[in-house]
């Protein structure tokens, strides 16, 4: 049931453009309030070395070190690591995640958020290396795109669209996994899954809301009064609270969750 996605840009060009569209400070501010962050931090041991594999701009390396963990990051994008170094003095290195320059059993925890799905050969080589560098009983905190209810329903259309893109010269981008598929991959490498959390159910809805807000601002111009704006802001805040509560219910997460975070222990 795994779905494969393709990109029109070459791999190196895609990641340079992807990280170039964000700043470290911006992503760090998001991480500090994200519902994902407590899921990650609750899974980490209090002591020992923590590696974020595929750290990108390094916002989680910075955040974890702020909160007392001995965290370091590795990534394949030299440009992203350089941007992180300009923002904060944290330990970083460029590395292939399938061949880390870390001794076996050296880590207490291995964190990887939205990374292993980008290997066209599948997640196994990266998972095998994660197991090697983790100490027995070490924590694995890892996320991948989730083949949620909506994606399952749309799978035939998604496959046709992605196959057409591949035939036109598109390059492999990522896989999306069901919960069962990814848990099976972890078990193949002697990880014991402890918990699985779908997250980010509002990704598509946020994009639609941004487009809608932009259209309303253009239509309204600048003539609306401040009291009306304050009243509208209050109503929107109340509605956002209700929407957030509904979106983070278990049925909504299974239906709409963009990513799946799995916490596991190395045998």
C-alpha atoms as a PDB file:
ATOM      1  CA  UNK A   1       0.000   0.000   0.000  1.00  0.00           C
ATOM      2  CA  UNK A   2       3.064   2.309   0.227  1.00  0.00           C
ATOM      3  CA  UNK A   3       2.697   5.380  -2.003  1.00  0.00           C
ATOM      4  CA  UNK A   4       5.641   6.869  -3.919  1.00  0.00           C
ATOM      5  CA  UNK A   5       5.814  10.583  -4.713  1.00  0.00           C
ATOM      6  CA  UNK A   6       7.970  12.349  -7.296  1.00  0.00           C
ATOM      7  CA  UNK A   7       9.370  15.857  -7.716  1.00  0.00           C
ATOM      8  CA  UNK A   8       9.942  17.873 -10.889  1.00  0.00           C
ATOM      9  CA  UNK A   9      13.249  19.240  -9.514  1.00  0.00           C
ATOM     10  CA  UNK A  10      16.531  17.361  -9.214  1.00  0.00           C
ATOM     11  CA  UNK A  11      17.189  16.097  -5.695  1.00  0.00           C
ATOM     12  CA  UNK A  12      19.940  18.593  -4.821  1.00  0.00           C
ATOM     13  CA  UNK A  13      18.036  21.535  -6.299  1.00  0.00           C
ATOM     14  CA  UNK A  14      14.883  20.566  -4.396  1.00  0.00           C
ATOM     15  CA  UNK A  15      16.546  20.526  -0.977  1.00  0.00           C
ATOM     16  CA  UNK A  16      18.492  23.734  -1.596  1.00  0.00           C
ATOM     17  CA  UNK A  17      15.246  25.488  -2.515  1.00  0.00           C
ATOM     18  CA  UNK A  18      13.318  23.833   0.333  1.00  0.00           C
ATOM     19  CA  UNK A  19      15.646  24.975   3.104  1.00  0.00           C
ATOM     20  CA  UNK A  20      16.280  28.323   1.424  1.00  0.00           C
ATOM     21  CA  UNK A  21      12.596  29.147   1.913  1.00  0.00           C
ATOM     22  CA  UNK A  22      12.869  29.069   5.717  1.00  0.00           C
ATOM     23  CA  UNK A  23      14.995  30.578   8.462  1.00  0.00           C
ATOM     24  CA  UNK A  24      16.348  28.869  11.578  1.00  0.00           C
ATOM     25  CA  UNK A  25      14.598  31.391  13.838  1.00  0.00           C
ATOM     26  CA  UNK A  26      11.278  30.832  12.065  1.00  0.00           C
ATOM     27  CA  UNK A  27      11.425  27.038  12.415  1.00  0.00           C
ATOM     28  CA  UNK A  28      12.680  27.239  15.998  1.00  0.00           C
ATOM     29  CA  UNK A  29       9.711  29.449  16.933  1.00  0.00           C
ATOM     30  CA  UNK A  30       7.359  26.870  15.369  1.00  0.00           C
ATOM     31  CA  UNK A  31       9.083  23.973  17.183  1.00  0.00           C
ATOM     32  CA  UNK A  32       8.687  25.701  20.556  1.00  0.00           C
ATOM     33  CA  UNK A  33       4.878  25.663  20.280  1.00  0.00           C
ATOM     34  CA  UNK A  34       4.325  22.636  18.034  1.00  0.00           C
ATOM     35  CA  UNK A  35       2.191  19.722  19.349  1.00  0.00           C
ATOM     36  CA  UNK A  36       4.935  17.483  17.935  1.00  0.00           C
ATOM     37  CA  UNK A  37       7.582  18.738  20.364  1.00  0.00           C
ATOM     38  CA  UNK A  38       6.160  17.206  23.578  1.00  0.00           C
ATOM     39  CA  UNK A  39       5.690  13.893  21.742  1.00  0.00           C
ATOM     40  CA  UNK A  40       9.407  13.953  20.937  1.00  0.00           C
ATOM     41  CA  UNK A  41      10.726  15.187  24.290  1.00  0.00           C
ATOM     42  CA  UNK A  42       8.589  12.803  26.383  1.00  0.00           C
ATOM     43  CA  UNK A  43      10.199   9.879  24.538  1.00  0.00           C
ATOM     44  CA  UNK A  44      13.806  10.924  25.240  1.00  0.00           C
ATOM     45  CA  UNK A  45      15.917   9.604  28.133  1.00  0.00           C
ATOM     46  CA  UNK A  46      17.081  12.172  30.671  1.00  0.00           C
ATOM     47  CA  UNK A  47      20.763  11.409  30.092  1.00  0.00           C
ATOM     48  CA  UNK A  48      23.068  10.384  27.277  1.00  0.00           C
ATOM     49  CA  UNK A  49      23.808  11.584  23.764  1.00  0.00           C
ATOM     50  CA  UNK A  50      20.934  12.392  21.410  1.00  0.00           C
ATOM     51  CA  UNK A  51      21.391  12.553  17.630  1.00  0.00           C
ATOM     52  CA  UNK A  52      18.980  14.194  15.236  1.00  0.00           C
ATOM     53  CA  UNK A  53      19.564  12.425  11.927  1.00  0.00           C
ATOM     54  CA  UNK A  54      18.510  14.625   9.032  1.00  0.00           C
ATOM     55  CA  UNK A  55      18.358  17.758  11.170  1.00  0.00           C
ATOM     56  CA  UNK A  56      17.932  20.213   8.278  1.00  0.00           C
ATOM     57  CA  UNK A  57      18.234  23.739   9.671  1.00  0.00           C
ATOM     58  CA  UNK A  58      18.773  22.289  13.135  1.00  0.00           C
ATOM     59  CA  UNK A  59      15.862  23.807  15.028  1.00  0.00           C
ATOM     60  CA  UNK A  60      15.326  20.669  17.101  1.00  0.00           C
ATOM     61  CA  UNK A  61      19.033  20.345  17.900  1.00  0.00           C
ATOM     62  CA  UNK A  62      18.940  23.910  19.234  1.00  0.00           C
ATOM     63  CA  UNK A  63      15.692  23.340  21.147  1.00  0.00           C
ATOM     64  CA  UNK A  64      16.860  20.090  22.757  1.00  0.00           C
ATOM     65  CA  UNK A  65      20.145  21.640  23.860  1.00  0.00           C
ATOM     66  CA  UNK A  66      18.220  24.583  25.339  1.00  0.00           C
ATOM     67  CA  UNK A  67      16.251  22.055  27.402  1.00  0.00           C
ATOM     68  CA  UNK A  68      19.286  20.218  28.687  1.00  0.00           C
ATOM     69  CA  UNK A  69      19.886  17.321  26.313  1.00  0.00           C
ATOM     70  CA  UNK A  70      23.321  16.577  24.844  1.00  0.00           C
ATOM     71  CA  UNK A  71      22.035  16.840  21.294  1.00  0.00           C
ATOM     72  CA  UNK A  72      23.897  16.961  17.989  1.00  0.00           C
ATOM     73  CA  UNK A  73      22.723  16.916  14.380  1.00  0.00           C
ATOM     74  CA  UNK A  74      23.753  15.440  11.043  1.00  0.00           C
ATOM     75  CA  UNK A  75      22.370  16.164   7.589  1.00  0.00           C
ATOM     76  CA  UNK A  76      23.289  15.744   3.951  1.00  0.00           C
ATOM     77  CA  UNK A  77      22.687  19.422   3.112  1.00  0.00           C
ATOM     78  CA  UNK A  78      25.798  21.505   3.729  1.00  0.00           C
ATOM     79  CA  UNK A  79      23.794  24.676   3.028  1.00  0.00           C
ATOM     80  CA  UNK A  80      21.264  23.863   5.767  1.00  0.00           C
ATOM     81  CA  UNK A  81      24.001  23.059   8.299  1.00  0.00           C
ATOM     82  CA  UNK A  82      25.798  26.320   7.480  1.00  0.00           C
ATOM     83  CA  UNK A  83      22.588  28.280   8.099  1.00  0.00           C
ATOM     84  CA  UNK A  84      22.169  26.574  11.484  1.00  0.00           C
ATOM     85  CA  UNK A  85      25.775  27.320  12.448  1.00  0.00           C
ATOM     86  CA  UNK A  86      25.236  31.005  11.681  1.00  0.00           C
ATOM     87  CA  UNK A  87      22.277  31.014  14.073  1.00  0.00           C
ATOM     88  CA  UNK A  88      23.647  28.928  16.972  1.00  0.00           C
ATOM     89  CA  UNK A  89      26.847  27.238  18.131  1.00  0.00           C
ATOM     90  CA  UNK A  90      25.627  23.627  18.195  1.00  0.00           C
ATOM     91  CA  UNK A  91      27.460  20.414  17.157  1.00  0.00           C
ATOM     92  CA  UNK A  92      26.633  19.521  13.550  1.00  0.00           C
ATOM     93  CA  UNK A  93      28.172  17.401  10.811  1.00  0.00           C
ATOM     94  CA  UNK A  94      27.498  16.568   7.179  1.00  0.00           C
ATOM     95  CA  UNK A  95      26.854  12.831   6.820  1.00  0.00           C
ATOM     96  CA  UNK A  96      25.181  10.074   4.874  1.00  0.00           C
ATOM     97  CA  UNK A  97      22.641   8.621   7.310  1.00  0.00           C
ATOM     98  CA  UNK A  98      23.418   5.127   6.011  1.00  0.00           C
ATOM     99  CA  UNK A  99      27.056   5.404   7.155  1.00  0.00           C
ATOM    100  CA  UNK A 100      27.436   7.534  10.284  1.00  0.00           C
ATOM    101  CA  UNK A 101      30.862   8.309  11.724  1.00  0.00           C
ATOM    102  CA  UNK A 102      29.664   7.282  15.193  1.00  0.00           C
ATOM    103  CA  UNK A 103      30.840   4.260  17.153  1.00  0.00           C
ATOM    104  CA  UNK A 104      28.394   1.422  17.713  1.00  0.00           C
ATOM    105  CA  UNK A 105      26.148   1.803  20.760  1.00  0.00           C
ATOM    106  CA  UNK A 106      27.214   5.393  21.456  1.00  0.00           C
ATOM    107  CA  UNK A 107      23.770   7.027  21.507  1.00  0.00           C
ATOM    108  CA  UNK A 108      21.006   7.062  24.088  1.00  0.00           C
ATOM    109  CA  UNK A 109      18.461   8.361  21.554  1.00  0.00           C
ATOM    110  CA  UNK A 110      18.109   8.771  17.793  1.00  0.00           C
ATOM    111  CA  UNK A 111      15.603  11.318  16.476  1.00  0.00           C
ATOM    112  CA  UNK A 112      14.673  11.538  12.792  1.00  0.00           C
ATOM    113  CA  UNK A 113      11.687  13.609  11.673  1.00  0.00           C
ATOM    114  CA  UNK A 114      10.550  13.202   8.090  1.00  0.00           C
ATOM    115  CA  UNK A 115      13.785  11.801   6.652  1.00  0.00           C
ATOM    116  CA  UNK A 116      13.896   8.038   5.995  1.00  0.00           C
ATOM    117  CA  UNK A 117      11.051   8.233   3.473  1.00  0.00           C
ATOM    118  CA  UNK A 118      13.321  10.089   1.034  1.00  0.00           C
ATOM    119  CA  UNK A 119      15.578   7.079   0.349  1.00  0.00           C
ATOM    120  CA  UNK A 120      14.358   5.557  -2.944  1.00  0.00           C
ATOM    121  CA  UNK A 121      15.588   2.137  -1.769  1.00  0.00           C
ATOM    122  CA  UNK A 122      13.311   2.334   1.267  1.00  0.00           C
ATOM    123  CA  UNK A 123      14.056   2.979   4.965  1.00  0.00           C
ATOM    124  CA  UNK A 124      15.966  -0.213   5.755  1.00  0.00           C
ATOM    125  CA  UNK A 125      19.560   0.986   5.303  1.00  0.00           C
ATOM    126  CA  UNK A 126      18.990   4.051   7.500  1.00  0.00           C
ATOM    127  CA  UNK A 127      17.145   2.008  10.130  1.00  0.00           C
ATOM    128  CA  UNK A 128      19.954  -0.557  10.235  1.00  0.00           C
ATOM    129  CA  UNK A 129      22.484   2.212  10.856  1.00  0.00           C
ATOM    130  CA  UNK A 130      20.239   3.759  13.513  1.00  0.00           C
ATOM    131  CA  UNK A 131      20.192   0.431  15.329  1.00  0.00           C
ATOM    132  CA  UNK A 132      23.982   0.153  15.129  1.00  0.00           C
ATOM    133  CA  UNK A 133      24.674   3.543  16.730  1.00  0.00           C
ATOM    134  CA  UNK A 134      22.027   3.196  19.466  1.00  0.00           C
ATOM    135  CA  UNK A 135      22.869   1.576  22.773  1.00  0.00           C
ATOM    136  CA  UNK A 136      20.737  -1.429  23.816  1.00  0.00           C
ATOM    137  CA  UNK A 137      17.489  -0.040  25.176  1.00  0.00           C
ATOM    138  CA  UNK A 138      18.080   3.274  23.386  1.00  0.00           C
ATOM    139  CA  UNK A 139      15.135   5.346  22.169  1.00  0.00           C
ATOM    140  CA  UNK A 140      14.215   5.746  18.515  1.00  0.00           C
ATOM    141  CA  UNK A 141      11.871   8.693  17.767  1.00  0.00           C
ATOM    142  CA  UNK A 142      11.090   8.722  14.070  1.00  0.00           C
ATOM    143  CA  UNK A 143       8.420  10.095  11.754  1.00  0.00           C
ATOM    144  CA  UNK A 144       7.358   9.447   8.150  1.00  0.00           C
ATOM    145  CA  UNK A 145       4.510  10.614   5.893  1.00  0.00           C
ATOM    146  CA  UNK A 146       1.346   8.817   6.963  1.00  0.00           C
ATOM    147  CA  UNK A 147      -0.858   6.954   4.526  1.00  0.00           C
ATOM    148  CA  UNK A 148      -3.935   8.272   6.297  1.00  0.00           C
ATOM    149  CA  UNK A 149      -7.604   7.663   5.513  1.00  0.00           C
ATOM    150  CA  UNK A 150      -7.833  10.417   2.906  1.00  0.00           C
ATOM    151  CA  UNK A 151      -4.693   9.206   1.111  1.00  0.00           C
ATOM    152  CA  UNK A 152      -6.010   5.626   1.133  1.00  0.00           C
ATOM    153  CA  UNK A 153      -9.231   6.790  -0.516  1.00  0.00           C
ATOM    154  CA  UNK A 154      -7.289   8.797  -3.070  1.00  0.00           C
ATOM    155  CA  UNK A 155      -4.569   6.183  -3.654  1.00  0.00           C
ATOM    156  CA  UNK A 156      -5.617   5.217  -7.221  1.00  0.00           C
ATOM    157  CA  UNK A 157      -5.623   8.888  -8.314  1.00  0.00           C
ATOM    158  CA  UNK A 158      -2.349   9.610  -6.473  1.00  0.00           C
ATOM    159  CA  UNK A 159      -0.639   6.631  -8.143  1.00  0.00           C
ATOM    160  CA  UNK A 160      -1.796   7.680 -11.618  1.00  0.00           C
ATOM    161  CA  UNK A 161      -0.667  11.256 -11.075  1.00  0.00           C
ATOM    162  CA  UNK A 162       2.720  10.271  -9.648  1.00  0.00           C
ATOM    163  CA  UNK A 163       3.327   7.686 -12.394  1.00  0.00           C
ATOM    164  CA  UNK A 164       2.659  10.350 -15.013  1.00  0.00           C
ATOM    165  CA  UNK A 165       5.085  12.702 -13.277  1.00  0.00           C
ATOM    166  CA  UNK A 166       7.739   9.967 -13.178  1.00  0.00           C
ATOM    167  CA  UNK A 167       7.295   9.273 -16.914  1.00  0.00           C
ATOM    168  CA  UNK A 168       7.813  12.977 -17.620  1.00  0.00           C
ATOM    169  CA  UNK A 169      11.225  12.820 -15.936  1.00  0.00           C
ATOM    170  CA  UNK A 170      10.287  13.498 -12.326  1.00  0.00           C
ATOM    171  CA  UNK A 171      12.733  12.279  -9.694  1.00  0.00           C
ATOM    172  CA  UNK A 172      11.791  10.229  -6.650  1.00  0.00           C
ATOM    173  CA  UNK A 173      10.816  12.382  -3.649  1.00  0.00           C
ATOM    174  CA  UNK A 174       9.339  10.245  -0.856  1.00  0.00           C
ATOM    175  CA  UNK A 175       7.194   7.334   0.283  1.00  0.00           C
ATOM    176  CA  UNK A 176       4.103   7.472   2.480  1.00  0.00           C
ATOM    177  CA  UNK A 177       3.522   4.487   4.812  1.00  0.00           C
ATOM    178  CA  UNK A 178       0.647   2.887   6.639  1.00  0.00           C
ATOM    179  CA  UNK A 179       1.150   2.422  10.356  1.00  0.00           C
ATOM    180  CA  UNK A 180       1.404  -1.349   9.896  1.00  0.00           C
ATOM    181  CA  UNK A 181       4.031  -1.050   7.138  1.00  0.00           C
ATOM    182  CA  UNK A 182       6.298   1.223   9.099  1.00  0.00           C
ATOM    183  CA  UNK A 183       5.991  -0.721  12.340  1.00  0.00           C
ATOM    184  CA  UNK A 184       6.927  -3.873  10.356  1.00  0.00           C
ATOM    185  CA  UNK A 185      10.022  -2.083   9.005  1.00  0.00           C
ATOM    186  CA  UNK A 186      11.093  -1.185  12.550  1.00  0.00           C
ATOM    187  CA  UNK A 187      10.605  -4.757  13.737  1.00  0.00           C
ATOM    188  CA  UNK A 188      12.814  -6.017  10.893  1.00  0.00           C
ATOM    189  CA  UNK A 189      15.675  -4.131  12.548  1.00  0.00           C
ATOM    190  CA  UNK A 190      14.957  -5.352  16.089  1.00  0.00           C
ATOM    191  CA  UNK A 191      13.173  -2.217  17.273  1.00  0.00           C
ATOM    192  CA  UNK A 192      10.233  -2.648  19.625  1.00  0.00           C
ATOM    193  CA  UNK A 193       7.530  -0.058  18.813  1.00  0.00           C
ATOM    194  CA  UNK A 194       6.050   1.537  21.935  1.00  0.00           C
ATOM    195  CA  UNK A 195       3.682   4.199  20.555  1.00  0.00           C
ATOM    196  CA  UNK A 196       2.521   5.674  17.254  1.00  0.00           C
ATOM    197  CA  UNK A 197       1.100   9.188  16.899  1.00  0.00           C
ATOM    198  CA  UNK A 198      -0.355  10.684  13.697  1.00  0.00           C
ATOM    199  CA  UNK A 199       0.212  14.446  13.660  1.00  0.00           C
ATOM    200  CA  UNK A 200      -0.188  17.634  11.595  1.00  0.00           C
ATOM    201  CA  UNK A 201      -3.815  16.985  10.535  1.00  0.00           C
ATOM    202  CA  UNK A 202      -4.341  20.570   9.339  1.00  0.00           C
ATOM    203  CA  UNK A 203      -1.640  20.757   6.655  1.00  0.00           C
ATOM    204  CA  UNK A 204      -3.999  20.923   3.673  1.00  0.00           C
ATOM    205  CA  UNK A 205      -6.534  22.996   5.598  1.00  0.00           C
ATOM    206  CA  UNK A 206      -3.868  25.555   6.536  1.00  0.00           C
ATOM    207  CA  UNK A 207      -2.907  26.033   2.894  1.00  0.00           C
ATOM    208  CA  UNK A 208      -6.556  26.538   1.931  1.00  0.00           C
ATOM    209  CA  UNK A 209      -7.086  28.975   4.813  1.00  0.00           C
ATOM    210  CA  UNK A 210      -4.047  31.047   3.782  1.00  0.00           C
ATOM    211  CA  UNK A 211      -5.384  31.351   0.250  1.00  0.00           C
ATOM    212  CA  UNK A 212      -8.841  32.291   1.549  1.00  0.00           C
ATOM    213  CA  UNK A 213      -7.447  34.935   3.927  1.00  0.00           C
ATOM    214  CA  UNK A 214      -5.405  36.444   1.120  1.00  0.00           C
ATOM    215  CA  UNK A 215      -8.485  36.729  -1.085  1.00  0.00           C
ATOM    216  CA  UNK A 216     -10.527  38.338   1.689  1.00  0.00           C
ATOM    217  CA  UNK A 217      -7.825  40.916   2.418  1.00  0.00           C
ATOM    218  CA  UNK A 218      -7.612  41.884  -1.238  1.00  0.00           C
ATOM    219  CA  UNK A 219     -11.391  42.193  -1.481  1.00  0.00           C
ATOM    220  CA  UNK A 220     -11.779  44.152   1.770  1.00  0.00           C
ATOM    221  CA  UNK A 221      -8.939  46.631   1.214  1.00  0.00           C
ATOM    222  CA  UNK A 222      -8.064  48.800   4.241  1.00  0.00           C
ATOM    223  CA  UNK A 223     -11.406  50.440   5.028  1.00  0.00           C
ATOM    224  CA  UNK A 224     -12.720  48.132   7.780  1.00  0.00           C
ATOM    225  CA  UNK A 225     -12.834  49.614  11.266  1.00  0.00           C
ATOM    226  CA  UNK A 226     -10.726  48.450  14.219  1.00  0.00           C
ATOM    227  CA  UNK A 227     -13.729  47.415  16.421  1.00  0.00           C
ATOM    228  CA  UNK A 228     -15.025  45.155  13.644  1.00  0.00           C
ATOM    229  CA  UNK A 229     -11.576  43.618  13.241  1.00  0.00           C
ATOM    230  CA  UNK A 230     -11.296  42.950  16.987  1.00  0.00           C
ATOM    231  CA  UNK A 231     -14.722  41.288  17.077  1.00  0.00           C
ATOM    232  CA  UNK A 232     -13.847  39.163  14.054  1.00  0.00           C
ATOM    233  CA  UNK A 233     -10.516  38.197  15.642  1.00  0.00           C
ATOM    234  CA  UNK A 234     -12.339  37.060  18.784  1.00  0.00           C
ATOM    235  CA  UNK A 235     -14.771  34.910  16.821  1.00  0.00           C
ATOM    236  CA  UNK A 236     -11.965  33.432  14.761  1.00  0.00           C
ATOM    237  CA  UNK A 237      -9.999  32.600  17.915  1.00  0.00           C
ATOM    238  CA  UNK A 238     -12.982  30.757  19.397  1.00  0.00           C
ATOM    239  CA  UNK A 239     -13.585  28.869  16.165  1.00  0.00           C
ATOM    240  CA  UNK A 240      -9.897  28.004  15.830  1.00  0.00           C
ATOM    241  CA  UNK A 241      -9.969  26.503  19.318  1.00  0.00           C
ATOM    242  CA  UNK A 242     -12.938  24.299  18.447  1.00  0.00           C
ATOM    243  CA  UNK A 243     -11.394  23.301  15.116  1.00  0.00           C
ATOM    244  CA  UNK A 244      -8.096  22.414  16.756  1.00  0.00           C
ATOM    245  CA  UNK A 245      -9.855  20.253  19.352  1.00  0.00           C
ATOM    246  CA  UNK A 246     -11.732  18.417  16.600  1.00  0.00           C
ATOM    247  CA  UNK A 247      -8.667  17.993  14.367  1.00  0.00           C
ATOM    248  CA  UNK A 248      -6.612  16.446  17.162  1.00  0.00           C
ATOM    249  CA  UNK A 249      -9.223  13.835  18.025  1.00  0.00           C
ATOM    250  CA  UNK A 250      -8.150  10.271  17.262  1.00  0.00           C
ATOM    251  CA  UNK A 251     -10.565   9.780  14.321  1.00  0.00           C
ATOM    252  CA  UNK A 252      -9.447  13.047  12.685  1.00  0.00           C
ATOM    253  CA  UNK A 253      -5.772  12.176  13.141  1.00  0.00           C
ATOM    254  CA  UNK A 254      -6.282   8.791  11.491  1.00  0.00           C
ATOM    255  CA  UNK A 255      -8.158  10.421   8.635  1.00  0.00           C
ATOM    256  CA  UNK A 256      -6.057  13.569   8.100  1.00  0.00           C
ATOM    257  CA  UNK A 257      -2.719  13.206   9.921  1.00  0.00           C
ATOM    258  CA  UNK A 258       0.017  14.194   7.504  1.00  0.00           C
ATOM    259  CA  UNK A 259       2.841  12.449   9.403  1.00  0.00           C
ATOM    260  CA  UNK A 260       3.191   9.466  11.717  1.00  0.00           C
ATOM    261  CA  UNK A 261       5.581   9.623  14.685  1.00  0.00           C
ATOM    262  CA  UNK A 262       6.679   6.258  16.102  1.00  0.00           C
ATOM    263  CA  UNK A 263       8.524   5.811  19.389  1.00  0.00           C
ATOM    264  CA  UNK A 264      10.485   2.556  19.651  1.00  0.00           C
ATOM    265  CA  UNK A 265      13.197   0.925  21.756  1.00  0.00           C
ATOM    266  CA  UNK A 266      16.288  -0.811  20.457  1.00  0.00           C
ATOM    267  CA  UNK A 267      16.454  -4.431  21.562  1.00  0.00           C
END
